[in-house]
Protein backbone atom coordinates (compact mmCIF):
# COMPACT_ATOMS: atom_id res chain seq x y z
CA MET A 1 3.35 11.45 -24.59
CA LEU A 2 5.19 8.18 -24.96
CA MET A 3 3.79 4.96 -23.63
CA GLU A 4 6.71 4.65 -21.21
CA ASP A 5 6.04 8.11 -19.82
CA TRP A 6 2.39 7.23 -19.31
CA LEU A 7 3.32 3.96 -17.56
CA HIS A 8 5.74 5.81 -15.31
CA LYS A 9 3.09 8.42 -14.48
CA LYS A 10 0.51 5.73 -13.61
CA ALA A 11 3.03 3.87 -11.42
CA GLU A 12 3.74 7.10 -9.51
CA GLU A 13 0.00 7.75 -9.17
CA TYR A 14 -0.60 4.33 -7.64
CA ALA A 15 2.39 4.78 -5.32
CA HIS A 16 0.81 8.04 -4.12
CA ASN A 17 -2.55 6.31 -3.63
CA GLU A 18 -0.80 3.56 -1.66
CA ILE A 19 0.63 6.16 0.73
CA LEU A 20 -2.84 7.64 1.19
CA ALA A 21 -4.21 4.16 1.95
CA LEU A 22 -1.53 3.74 4.61
CA LEU A 23 -2.66 7.02 6.15
CA LEU A 24 -6.22 5.67 6.05
CA ILE A 25 -5.04 2.67 8.09
CA ILE A 26 -3.51 5.02 10.66
CA LEU A 27 -6.77 6.98 10.86
CA GLY A 28 -8.73 3.76 11.34
CA VAL A 29 -6.46 2.57 14.11
CA ASN A 30 -6.87 5.94 15.86
CA PHE A 31 -10.67 5.64 15.64
CA LEU A 32 -10.52 2.06 16.87
CA THR A 33 -8.32 2.89 19.86
CA THR A 34 -10.37 5.95 20.78
CA GLY A 35 -13.61 4.00 20.50
CA LEU A 36 -12.34 1.23 22.75
CA LEU A 37 -11.05 3.69 25.34
CA VAL A 38 -14.32 5.66 25.37
CA THR A 39 -16.37 2.46 25.64
CA PHE A 40 -14.35 1.01 28.50
CA TYR A 41 -14.24 4.31 30.34
CA SER A 42 -17.98 4.91 30.05
CA LEU A 43 -19.00 1.40 31.06
CA GLY A 44 -16.69 1.29 34.04
CA GLU A 45 -15.25 -1.92 35.49
CA GLU A 46 -18.30 -3.95 34.55
CA GLY A 47 -17.81 -3.06 30.91
CA LEU A 48 -14.39 -4.66 30.59
CA GLN A 49 -15.86 -7.75 28.99
CA LEU A 50 -15.39 -8.78 25.40
CA PHE A 51 -19.06 -9.19 24.56
CA LEU A 52 -20.44 -5.69 24.96
CA THR A 53 -23.74 -6.59 23.30
CA PHE A 54 -24.97 -8.45 26.38
CA LYS A 55 -24.86 -5.35 28.53
CA GLN A 56 -27.51 -2.75 27.88
CA LEU A 57 -25.93 0.54 26.87
CA GLN A 58 -27.48 3.31 28.91
CA SER A 59 -25.30 6.27 28.12
CA ALA A 60 -24.73 8.11 24.87
CA THR A 61 -21.00 8.03 25.52
CA ALA A 62 -20.93 4.25 25.40
CA THR A 63 -22.86 4.30 22.15
CA LEU A 64 -20.41 6.83 20.74
CA GLY A 65 -17.56 4.55 21.78
CA LEU A 66 -19.10 1.60 19.98
CA ILE A 67 -19.69 3.71 16.87
CA LEU A 68 -16.06 4.88 16.90
CA THR A 69 -14.88 1.29 17.38
CA ALA A 70 -16.94 0.01 14.47
CA ALA A 71 -15.91 2.94 12.26
CA GLY A 72 -12.25 2.41 13.14
CA PHE A 73 -12.43 -1.24 12.29
CA GLY A 74 -14.14 -0.46 8.98
CA VAL A 75 -11.75 2.32 7.97
CA SER A 76 -8.62 0.33 8.83
CA SER A 77 -9.96 -2.73 6.97
CA ALA A 78 -10.67 -0.58 3.92
CA GLY A 79 -7.15 0.83 4.19
CA PHE A 80 -5.61 -2.65 4.21
CA ILE A 81 -7.62 -3.67 1.16
CA LEU A 82 -6.68 -0.48 -0.70
CA VAL A 83 -2.98 -0.89 0.11
CA ILE A 84 -3.00 -4.36 -1.41
CA HIS A 85 -4.99 -3.16 -4.45
CA TYR A 86 -2.75 -0.17 -5.18
CA ASP A 87 0.42 -2.19 -4.61
CA ARG A 88 -0.67 -4.77 -7.18
CA LYS A 89 -1.58 -2.08 -9.69
CA LYS A 90 1.75 -0.29 -9.14
CA SER A 91 3.66 -3.56 -9.55
CA TRP A 92 1.83 -4.30 -12.81
CA TYR A 93 2.66 -0.89 -14.29
CA ARG A 94 6.30 -1.16 -13.23
CA LYS A 95 6.53 -4.62 -14.79
CA GLN A 96 5.08 -3.22 -18.03
CA LEU A 97 7.58 -0.38 -17.86
CA GLU A 98 10.47 -2.83 -17.55
CA ASP A 99 9.17 -4.83 -20.49
CA SER A 100 8.72 -1.81 -22.73
CA SER A 101 10.69 -1.57 -25.94
CA ILE A 102 12.63 1.61 -25.18
CA MET A 103 13.84 0.25 -21.86
CA LYS A 104 15.14 -2.87 -23.62
CA LYS A 105 17.02 -0.71 -26.15
CA TRP A 106 18.71 1.21 -23.35
CA LYS A 107 20.10 -1.93 -21.78
CA THR A 108 23.59 -2.59 -23.08
CA GLU A 109 25.16 -5.98 -23.49
CA VAL A 110 28.13 -6.56 -21.23
CA LYS A 111 31.06 -8.08 -23.07
CA THR A 112 33.65 -10.30 -21.46
CA VAL A 113 37.37 -9.71 -21.82
CA ASP A 114 37.69 -12.64 -24.22
CA GLN A 115 35.01 -11.19 -26.54
CA ILE A 116 36.75 -7.81 -26.60
CA ILE A 117 40.12 -9.44 -27.41
CA GLU A 118 38.56 -11.53 -30.20
CA GLU A 119 36.98 -8.41 -31.74
CA TYR A 120 40.29 -6.56 -31.53
CA VAL A 121 42.24 -9.43 -33.09
CA GLY A 122 39.60 -9.79 -35.80
CA LYS A 123 39.89 -6.08 -36.68
CA ARG A 124 43.72 -6.26 -36.74
CA LYS A 125 43.71 -9.20 -39.17
CA ALA A 126 41.28 -7.54 -41.52
């Protein structure tokens, strides 16, 4: 396996992992939203305050809501961190792929019209 093939494979792997991290963010946001809805519904109108720690939680449903909220926040935060991590890794591998020797050999030099005419005239004189 050539080095360029390996770099390309690693870049694709990190792109796949980045997509999975985005799905992890979506899962975390779902947990967060569900947890907030369950908490507010179980606590009633009195529970619509921002500082839920001051009110004593008496039902298991409210506790479940707080657990879902905390888990959603944690999962979505981990997803954000993983997206940034995988994006940086993918960018590094793609940069190494661009700088590889075979890729530089494939790039052709673009000649201007004047250079082509000079080469043609030089060949005609010789």
